[in-house]
Amino acid sequence: MNRPQRDIVALVSLVLAGVLLVTYFGVDFVRWLTWRPPHDLFSQIIAVRPGFPNGWRNVVLGLILPVLLAGFGFYLRSGDDRRP
């Protein structure tokens, strides 16, 4: 694989990692982080904080797979000097 092909594959893997991170983990994490309890008494009794994104889908597709894809992209990008 030549240099332009490696650059394209690395860029696609990094973009895909970012999209997966935001879609499966980031949105739910920000919703959980920014939740504010209601101020009136009745709403405080029944208010439920959104769940922390710790389901298998959030962890695998939102954390593990993006880390692997980003590592693969950075590995391909660092291989410019090693291959002719």
PDB file of N, CA and C in Angstrom:
ATOM      1  N   MET A   1       0.847  -1.167   0.000  1.00  0.00           N
ATOM      2  CA  MET A   1       0.000   0.000   0.000  1.00  0.00           C
ATOM      3  C   MET A   1       0.895   1.234   0.000  1.00  0.00           C
ATOM      4  N   ASN A   2       0.621   2.146  -0.915  1.00  0.00           N
ATOM      5  CA  ASN A   2       1.458   3.336  -0.996  1.00  0.00           C
ATOM      6  C   ASN A   2       0.971   4.412  -0.026  1.00  0.00           C
ATOM      7  N   ARG A   3       1.702   5.512   0.024  1.00  0.00           N
ATOM      8  CA  ARG A   3       1.451   6.540   1.041  1.00  0.00           C
ATOM      9  C   ARG A   3       0.062   7.165   0.939  1.00  0.00           C
ATOM     10  N   PRO A   4      -0.413   7.594  -0.238  1.00  0.00           N
ATOM     11  CA  PRO A   4      -1.761   8.182  -0.289  1.00  0.00           C
ATOM     12  C   PRO A   4      -2.857   7.204   0.146  1.00  0.00           C
ATOM     13  N   GLN A   5      -2.702   5.944  -0.174  1.00  0.00           N
ATOM     14  CA  GLN A   5      -3.693   4.953   0.256  1.00  0.00           C
ATOM     15  C   GLN A   5      -3.682   4.799   1.776  1.00  0.00           C
ATOM     16  N   ARG A   6      -2.490   4.771   2.360  1.00  0.00           N
ATOM     17  CA  ARG A   6      -2.392   4.672   3.817  1.00  0.00           C
ATOM     18  C   ARG A   6      -2.999   5.889   4.495  1.00  0.00           C
ATOM     19  N   ASP A   7      -2.773   7.075   3.908  1.00  0.00           N
ATOM     20  CA  ASP A   7      -3.344   8.295   4.489  1.00  0.00           C
ATOM     21  C   ASP A   7      -4.865   8.275   4.460  1.00  0.00           C
ATOM     22  N   ILE A   8      -5.441   7.806   3.366  1.00  0.00           N
ATOM     23  CA  ILE A   8      -6.896   7.753   3.246  1.00  0.00           C
ATOM     24  C   ILE A   8      -7.481   6.750   4.235  1.00  0.00           C
ATOM     25  N   VAL A   9      -6.878   5.571   4.326  1.00  0.00           N
ATOM     26  CA  VAL A   9      -7.377   4.557   5.257  1.00  0.00           C
ATOM     27  C   VAL A   9      -7.225   5.035   6.698  1.00  0.00           C
ATOM     28  N   ALA A  10      -6.131   5.688   7.015  1.00  0.00           N
ATOM     29  CA  ALA A  10      -5.929   6.216   8.365  1.00  0.00           C
ATOM     30  C   ALA A  10      -6.953   7.300   8.682  1.00  0.00           C
ATOM     31  N   LEU A  11      -7.217   8.198   7.739  1.00  0.00           N
ATOM     32  CA  LEU A  11      -8.193   9.256   7.959  1.00  0.00           C
ATOM     33  C   LEU A  11      -9.598   8.683   8.130  1.00  0.00           C
ATOM     34  N   VAL A  12      -9.960   7.713   7.315  1.00  0.00           N
ATOM     35  CA  VAL A  12     -11.283   7.098   7.435  1.00  0.00           C
ATOM     36  C   VAL A  12     -11.434   6.388   8.774  1.00  0.00           C
ATOM     37  N   SER A  13     -10.402   5.692   9.216  1.00  0.00           N
ATOM     38  CA  SER A  13     -10.503   5.000  10.500  1.00  0.00           C
ATOM     39  C   SER A  13     -10.596   5.986  11.659  1.00  0.00           C
ATOM     40  N   LEU A  14      -9.903   7.111  11.591  1.00  0.00           N
ATOM     41  CA  LEU A  14      -9.992   8.114  12.657  1.00  0.00           C
ATOM     42  C   LEU A  14     -11.360   8.806  12.666  1.00  0.00           C
ATOM     43  N   VAL A  15     -11.897   9.098  11.500  1.00  0.00           N
ATOM     44  CA  VAL A  15     -13.220   9.723  11.432  1.00  0.00           C
ATOM     45  C   VAL A  15     -14.283   8.751  11.937  1.00  0.00           C
ATOM     46  N   LEU A  16     -14.186   7.494  11.527  1.00  0.00           N
ATOM     47  CA  LEU A  16     -15.142   6.489  11.988  1.00  0.00           C
ATOM     48  C   LEU A  16     -15.050   6.299  13.503  1.00  0.00           C
ATOM     49  N   ALA A  17     -13.839   6.327  14.044  1.00  0.00           N
ATOM     50  CA  ALA A  17     -13.667   6.218  15.496  1.00  0.00           C
ATOM     51  C   ALA A  17     -14.333   7.398  16.199  1.00  0.00           C
ATOM     52  N   GLY A  18     -14.179   8.588  15.672  1.00  0.00           N
ATOM     53  CA  GLY A  18     -14.814   9.753  16.268  1.00  0.00           C
ATOM     54  C   GLY A  18     -16.328   9.700  16.209  1.00  0.00           C
ATOM     55  N   VAL A  19     -16.860   9.259  15.080  1.00  0.00           N
ATOM     56  CA  VAL A  19     -18.312   9.155  14.941  1.00  0.00           C
ATOM     57  C   VAL A  19     -18.869   8.115  15.912  1.00  0.00           C
ATOM     58  N   LEU A  20     -18.217   6.968  16.021  1.00  0.00           N
ATOM     59  CA  LEU A  20     -18.686   5.941  16.945  1.00  0.00           C
ATOM     60  C   LEU A  20     -18.607   6.415  18.398  1.00  0.00           C
ATOM     61  N   LEU A  21     -17.534   7.092  18.745  1.00  0.00           N
ATOM     62  CA  LEU A  21     -17.381   7.594  20.109  1.00  0.00           C
ATOM     63  C   LEU A  21     -18.489   8.576  20.473  1.00  0.00           C
ATOM     64  N   VAL A  22     -18.753   9.505  19.581  1.00  0.00           N
ATOM     65  CA  VAL A  22     -19.785  10.505  19.861  1.00  0.00           C
ATOM     66  C   VAL A  22     -21.174   9.866  19.853  1.00  0.00           C
ATOM     67  N   THR A  23     -21.437   8.994  18.895  1.00  0.00           N
ATOM     68  CA  THR A  23     -22.776   8.422  18.752  1.00  0.00           C
ATOM     69  C   THR A  23     -23.136   7.496  19.897  1.00  0.00           C
ATOM     70  N   TYR A  24     -22.242   6.587  20.249  1.00  0.00           N
ATOM     71  CA  TYR A  24     -22.601   5.558  21.215  1.00  0.00           C
ATOM     72  C   TYR A  24     -22.212   5.881  22.655  1.00  0.00           C
ATOM     73  N   PHE A  25     -21.304   6.807  22.879  1.00  0.00           N
ATOM     74  CA  PHE A  25     -20.908   7.102  24.250  1.00  0.00           C
ATOM     75  C   PHE A  25     -21.039   8.580  24.593  1.00  0.00           C
ATOM     76  N   GLY A  26     -20.583   9.438  23.719  1.00  0.00           N
ATOM     77  CA  GLY A  26     -20.501  10.860  24.032  1.00  0.00           C
ATOM     78  C   GLY A  26     -21.827  11.523  24.324  1.00  0.00           C
ATOM     79  N   VAL A  27     -22.843  11.245  23.518  1.00  0.00           N
ATOM     80  CA  VAL A  27     -24.143  11.886  23.702  1.00  0.00           C
ATOM     81  C   VAL A  27     -24.756  11.489  25.036  1.00  0.00           C
ATOM     82  N   ASP A  28     -24.766  10.192  25.340  1.00  0.00           N
ATOM     83  CA  ASP A  28     -25.319   9.739  26.611  1.00  0.00           C
ATOM     84  C   ASP A  28     -24.501  10.224  27.801  1.00  0.00           C
ATOM     85  N   PHE A  29     -23.194  10.301  27.642  1.00  0.00           N
ATOM     86  CA  PHE A  29     -22.346  10.772  28.727  1.00  0.00           C
ATOM     87  C   PHE A  29     -22.603  12.247  29.023  1.00  0.00           C
ATOM     88  N   VAL A  30     -22.735  13.059  27.991  1.00  0.00           N
ATOM     89  CA  VAL A  30     -23.018  14.482  28.202  1.00  0.00           C
ATOM     90  C   VAL A  30     -24.402  14.658  28.803  1.00  0.00           C
ATOM     91  N   ARG A  31     -25.377  13.855  28.363  1.00  0.00           N
ATOM     92  CA  ARG A  31     -26.726  13.927  28.945  1.00  0.00           C
ATOM     93  C   ARG A  31     -26.682  13.555  30.430  1.00  0.00           C
ATOM     94  N   TRP A  32     -25.899  12.538  30.775  1.00  0.00           N
ATOM     95  CA  TRP A  32     -25.775  12.124  32.176  1.00  0.00           C
ATOM     96  C   TRP A  32     -25.037  13.191  32.979  1.00  0.00           C
ATOM     97  N   LEU A  33     -24.003  13.778  32.388  1.00  0.00           N
ATOM     98  CA  LEU A  33     -23.166  14.742  33.086  1.00  0.00           C
ATOM     99  C   LEU A  33     -23.882  16.059  33.356  1.00  0.00           C
ATOM    100  N   THR A  34     -24.723  16.488  32.443  1.00  0.00           N
ATOM    101  CA  THR A  34     -25.341  17.805  32.565  1.00  0.00           C
ATOM    102  C   THR A  34     -26.745  17.761  33.154  1.00  0.00           C
ATOM    103  N   TRP A  35     -27.177  16.632  33.661  1.00  0.00           N
ATOM    104  CA  TRP A  35     -28.522  16.532  34.224  1.00  0.00           C
ATOM    105  C   TRP A  35     -28.620  17.371  35.491  1.00  0.00           C
ATOM    106  N   ARG A  36     -29.674  18.119  35.583  1.00  0.00           N
ATOM    107  CA  ARG A  36     -29.944  18.933  36.774  1.00  0.00           C
ATOM    108  C   ARG A  36     -31.272  18.480  37.372  1.00  0.00           C
ATOM    109  N   PRO A  37     -31.324  18.294  38.677  1.00  0.00           N
ATOM    110  CA  PRO A  37     -32.597  17.887  39.289  1.00  0.00           C
ATOM    111  C   PRO A  37     -33.617  19.021  39.212  1.00  0.00           C
ATOM    112  N   PRO A  38     -34.890  18.674  39.120  1.00  0.00           N
ATOM    113  CA  PRO A  38     -35.924  19.717  39.094  1.00  0.00           C
ATOM    114  C   PRO A  38     -36.028  20.414  40.459  1.00  0.00           C
ATOM    115  N   HIS A  39     -36.663  21.562  40.468  1.00  0.00           N
ATOM    116  CA  HIS A  39     -36.697  22.376  41.688  1.00  0.00           C
ATOM    117  C   HIS A  39     -37.951  22.185  42.541  1.00  0.00           C
ATOM    118  N   ASP A  40     -39.053  21.784  41.949  1.00  0.00           N
ATOM    119  CA  ASP A  40     -40.246  21.618  42.773  1.00  0.00           C
ATOM    120  C   ASP A  40     -40.251  20.257  43.449  1.00  0.00           C
ATOM    121  N   LEU A  41     -40.938  20.153  44.564  1.00  0.00           N
ATOM    122  CA  LEU A  41     -40.887  18.968  45.423  1.00  0.00           C
ATOM    123  C   LEU A  41     -41.427  17.720  44.726  1.00  0.00           C
ATOM    124  N   PHE A  42     -42.552  17.825  44.055  1.00  0.00           N
ATOM    125  CA  PHE A  42     -43.134  16.657  43.406  1.00  0.00           C
ATOM    126  C   PHE A  42     -42.224  16.112  42.314  1.00  0.00           C
ATOM    127  N   SER A  43     -41.624  16.982  41.539  1.00  0.00           N
ATOM    128  CA  SER A  43     -40.721  16.538  40.471  1.00  0.00           C
ATOM    129  C   SER A  43     -39.443  15.924  41.048  1.00  0.00           C
ATOM    130  N   GLN A  44     -39.017  16.391  42.216  1.00  0.00           N
ATOM    131  CA  GLN A  44     -37.832  15.809  42.833  1.00  0.00           C
ATOM    132  C   GLN A  44     -38.096  14.394  43.307  1.00  0.00           C
ATOM    133  N   ILE A  45     -39.304  14.108  43.700  1.00  0.00           N
ATOM    134  CA  ILE A  45     -39.636  12.767  44.178  1.00  0.00           C
ATOM    135  C   ILE A  45     -39.599  11.766  43.036  1.00  0.00           C
ATOM    136  N   ILE A  46     -40.080  12.161  41.872  1.00  0.00           N
ATOM    137  CA  ILE A  46     -40.155  11.216  40.757  1.00  0.00           C
ATOM    138  C   ILE A  46     -39.036  11.408  39.734  1.00  0.00           C
ATOM    139  N   ALA A  47     -38.124  12.336  39.960  1.00  0.00           N
ATOM    140  CA  ALA A  47     -37.059  12.598  39.002  1.00  0.00           C
ATOM    141  C   ALA A  47     -36.066  11.437  38.976  1.00  0.00           C
ATOM    142  N   VAL A  48     -35.674  11.065  37.794  1.00  0.00           N
ATOM    143  CA  VAL A  48     -34.712   9.980  37.617  1.00  0.00           C
ATOM    144  C   VAL A  48     -33.577  10.483  36.746  1.00  0.00           C
ATOM    145  N   ARG A  49     -32.393  10.395  37.278  1.00  0.00           N
ATOM    146  CA  ARG A  49     -31.225  10.811  36.506  1.00  0.00           C
ATOM    147  C   ARG A  49     -31.016   9.838  35.353  1.00  0.00           C
ATOM    148  N   PRO A  50     -30.654  10.327  34.178  1.00  0.00           N
ATOM    149  CA  PRO A  50     -30.379   9.415  33.062  1.00  0.00           C
ATOM    150  C   PRO A  50     -29.271   8.440  33.445  1.00  0.00           C
ATOM    151  N   GLY A  51     -29.372   7.229  32.944  1.00  0.00           N
ATOM    152  CA  GLY A  51     -28.379   6.213  33.274  1.00  0.00           C
ATOM    153  C   GLY A  51     -27.018   6.500  32.674  1.00  0.00           C
ATOM    154  N   PHE A  52     -25.975   6.131  33.412  1.00  0.00           N
ATOM    155  CA  PHE A  52     -24.613   6.265  32.888  1.00  0.00           C
ATOM    156  C   PHE A  52     -24.456   5.287  31.732  1.00  0.00           C
ATOM    157  N   PRO A  53     -23.821   5.697  30.640  1.00  0.00           N
ATOM    158  CA  PRO A  53     -23.709   4.817  29.471  1.00  0.00           C
ATOM    159  C   PRO A  53     -22.736   3.663  29.707  1.00  0.00           C
ATOM    160  N   ASN A  54     -23.207   2.610  30.397  1.00  0.00           N
ATOM    161  CA  ASN A  54     -22.330   1.484  30.688  1.00  0.00           C
ATOM    162  C   ASN A  54     -22.874   0.170  30.160  1.00  0.00           C
ATOM    163  N   GLY A  55     -23.809   0.208  29.226  1.00  0.00           N
ATOM    164  CA  GLY A  55     -24.299  -1.019  28.597  1.00  0.00           C
ATOM    165  C   GLY A  55     -23.249  -1.575  27.645  1.00  0.00           C
ATOM    166  N   TRP A  56     -23.443  -2.807  27.195  1.00  0.00           N
ATOM    167  CA  TRP A  56     -22.435  -3.434  26.326  1.00  0.00           C
ATOM    168  C   TRP A  56     -22.279  -2.658  25.026  1.00  0.00           C
ATOM    169  N   ARG A  57     -23.371  -2.133  24.498  1.00  0.00           N
ATOM    170  CA  ARG A  57     -23.291  -1.398  23.228  1.00  0.00           C
ATOM    171  C   ARG A  57     -22.496  -0.109  23.404  1.00  0.00           C
ATOM    172  N   ASN A  58     -22.737   0.610  24.497  1.00  0.00           N
ATOM    173  CA  ASN A  58     -22.008   1.845  24.744  1.00  0.00           C
ATOM    174  C   ASN A  58     -20.525   1.590  24.966  1.00  0.00           C
ATOM    175  N   VAL A  59     -20.206   0.526  25.652  1.00  0.00           N
ATOM    176  CA  VAL A  59     -18.805   0.255  25.954  1.00  0.00           C
ATOM    177  C   VAL A  59     -18.066  -0.276  24.729  1.00  0.00           C
ATOM    178  N   VAL A  60     -18.647  -1.265  24.056  1.00  0.00           N
ATOM    179  CA  VAL A  60     -17.949  -1.881  22.920  1.00  0.00           C
ATOM    180  C   VAL A  60     -17.905  -0.931  21.728  1.00  0.00           C
ATOM    181  N   LEU A  61     -19.062  -0.408  21.319  1.00  0.00           N
ATOM    182  CA  LEU A  61     -19.111   0.449  20.139  1.00  0.00           C
ATOM    183  C   LEU A  61     -18.704   1.887  20.418  1.00  0.00           C
ATOM    184  N   GLY A  62     -18.774   2.314  21.671  1.00  0.00           N
ATOM    185  CA  GLY A  62     -18.460   3.694  21.991  1.00  0.00           C
ATOM    186  C   GLY A  62     -17.091   3.919  22.572  1.00  0.00           C
ATOM    187  N   LEU A  63     -16.464   2.872  23.118  1.00  0.00           N
ATOM    188  CA  LEU A  63     -15.135   3.048  23.709  1.00  0.00           C
ATOM    189  C   LEU A  63     -14.087   2.118  23.111  1.00  0.00           C
ATOM    190  N   ILE A  64     -14.344   0.812  23.112  1.00  0.00           N
ATOM    191  CA  ILE A  64     -13.317  -0.148  22.704  1.00  0.00           C
ATOM    192  C   ILE A  64     -13.038  -0.063  21.204  1.00  0.00           C
ATOM    193  N   LEU A  65     -14.084  -0.130  20.381  1.00  0.00           N
ATOM    194  CA  LEU A  65     -13.887  -0.089  18.928  1.00  0.00           C
ATOM    195  C   LEU A  65     -13.261   1.223  18.454  1.00  0.00           C
ATOM    196  N   PRO A  66     -13.675   2.385  18.961  1.00  0.00           N
ATOM    197  CA  PRO A  66     -12.985   3.613  18.546  1.00  0.00           C
ATOM    198  C   PRO A  66     -11.508   3.656  18.938  1.00  0.00           C
ATOM    199  N   VAL A  67     -11.176   3.110  20.097  1.00  0.00           N
ATOM    200  CA  VAL A  67      -9.767   3.085  20.488  1.00  0.00           C
ATOM    201  C   VAL A  67      -8.970   2.188  19.535  1.00  0.00           C
ATOM    202  N   LEU A  68      -9.532   1.040  19.189  1.00  0.00           N
ATOM    203  CA  LEU A  68      -8.845   0.146  18.243  1.00  0.00           C
ATOM    204  C   LEU A  68      -8.723   0.778  16.856  1.00  0.00           C
ATOM    205  N   LEU A  69      -9.790   1.421  16.390  1.00  0.00           N
ATOM    206  CA  LEU A  69      -9.736   2.077  15.081  1.00  0.00           C
ATOM    207  C   LEU A  69      -8.740   3.234  15.071  1.00  0.00           C
ATOM    208  N   ALA A  70      -8.728   4.021  16.125  1.00  0.00           N
ATOM    209  CA  ALA A  70      -7.769   5.128  16.189  1.00  0.00           C
ATOM    210  C   ALA A  70      -6.335   4.605  16.253  1.00  0.00           C
ATOM    211  N   GLY A  71      -6.117   3.547  17.018  1.00  0.00           N
ATOM    212  CA  GLY A  71      -4.782   2.946  17.062  1.00  0.00           C
ATOM    213  C   GLY A  71      -4.354   2.424  15.708  1.00  0.00           C
ATOM    214  N   PHE A  72      -5.276   1.789  14.991  1.00  0.00           N
ATOM    215  CA  PHE A  72      -4.975   1.300  13.643  1.00  0.00           C
ATOM    216  C   PHE A  72      -4.650   2.459  12.705  1.00  0.00           C
ATOM    217  N   GLY A  73      -5.427   3.545  12.807  1.00  0.00           N
ATOM    218  CA  GLY A  73      -5.171   4.712  11.959  1.00  0.00           C
ATOM    219  C   GLY A  73      -3.826   5.354  12.255  1.00  0.00           C
ATOM    220  N   PHE A  74      -3.497   5.505  13.526  1.00  0.00           N
ATOM    221  CA  PHE A  74      -2.197   6.084  13.878  1.00  0.00           C
ATOM    222  C   PHE A  74      -1.048   5.149  13.496  1.00  0.00           C
ATOM    223  N   TYR A  75      -1.282   3.841  13.592  1.00  0.00           N
ATOM    224  CA  TYR A  75      -0.256   2.884  13.175  1.00  0.00           C
ATOM    225  C   TYR A  75       0.009   2.997  11.676  1.00  0.00           C
ATOM    226  N   LEU A  76      -1.043   3.076  10.884  1.00  0.00           N
ATOM    227  CA  LEU A  76      -0.857   3.232   9.440  1.00  0.00           C
ATOM    228  C   LEU A  76      -0.171   4.547   9.113  1.00  0.00           C
ATOM    229  N   ARG A  77      -0.534   5.583   9.820  1.00  0.00           N
ATOM    230  CA  ARG A  77       0.055   6.898   9.557  1.00  0.00           C
ATOM    231  C   ARG A  77       1.526   6.927   9.943  1.00  0.00           C
ATOM    232  N   SER A  78       1.911   6.188  10.962  1.00  0.00           N
ATOM    233  CA  SER A  78       3.317   6.204  11.371  1.00  0.00           C
ATOM    234  C   SER A  78       4.184   5.328  10.483  1.00  0.00           C
ATOM    235  N   GLY A  79       3.598   4.533   9.610  1.00  0.00           N
ATOM    236  CA  GLY A  79       4.369   3.635   8.771  1.00  0.00           C
ATOM    237  C   GLY A  79       4.900   4.262   7.513  1.00  0.00           C
ATOM    238  N   ASP A  80       4.837   5.575   7.385  1.00  0.00           N
ATOM    239  CA  ASP A  80       5.282   6.242   6.153  1.00  0.00           C
ATOM    240  C   ASP A  80       6.773   6.032   5.880  1.00  0.00           C
ATOM    241  N   ASP A  81       7.578   6.054   6.922  1.00  0.00           N
ATOM    242  CA  ASP A  81       9.029   5.961   6.718  1.00  0.00           C
ATOM    243  C   ASP A  81       9.520   4.523   6.661  1.00  0.00           C
ATOM    244  N   ARG A  82       8.740   3.566   7.086  1.00  0.00           N
ATOM    245  CA  ARG A  82       9.214   2.193   7.152  1.00  0.00           C
ATOM    246  C   ARG A  82       9.083   1.454   5.821  1.00  0.00           C
ATOM    247  N   ARG A  83       8.086   1.828   5.042  1.00  0.00           N
ATOM    248  CA  ARG A  83       7.842   1.096   3.798  1.00  0.00           C
ATOM    249  C   ARG A  83       8.279   1.937   2.611  1.00  0.00           C
ATOM    250  N   PRO A  84       8.807   1.286   1.586  1.00  0.00           N
ATOM    251  CA  PRO A  84       9.252   2.064   0.409  1.00  0.00           C
ATOM    252  C   PRO A  84       8.122   2.602  -0.415  1.00  0.00           C
TER     253      PRO A  84
END
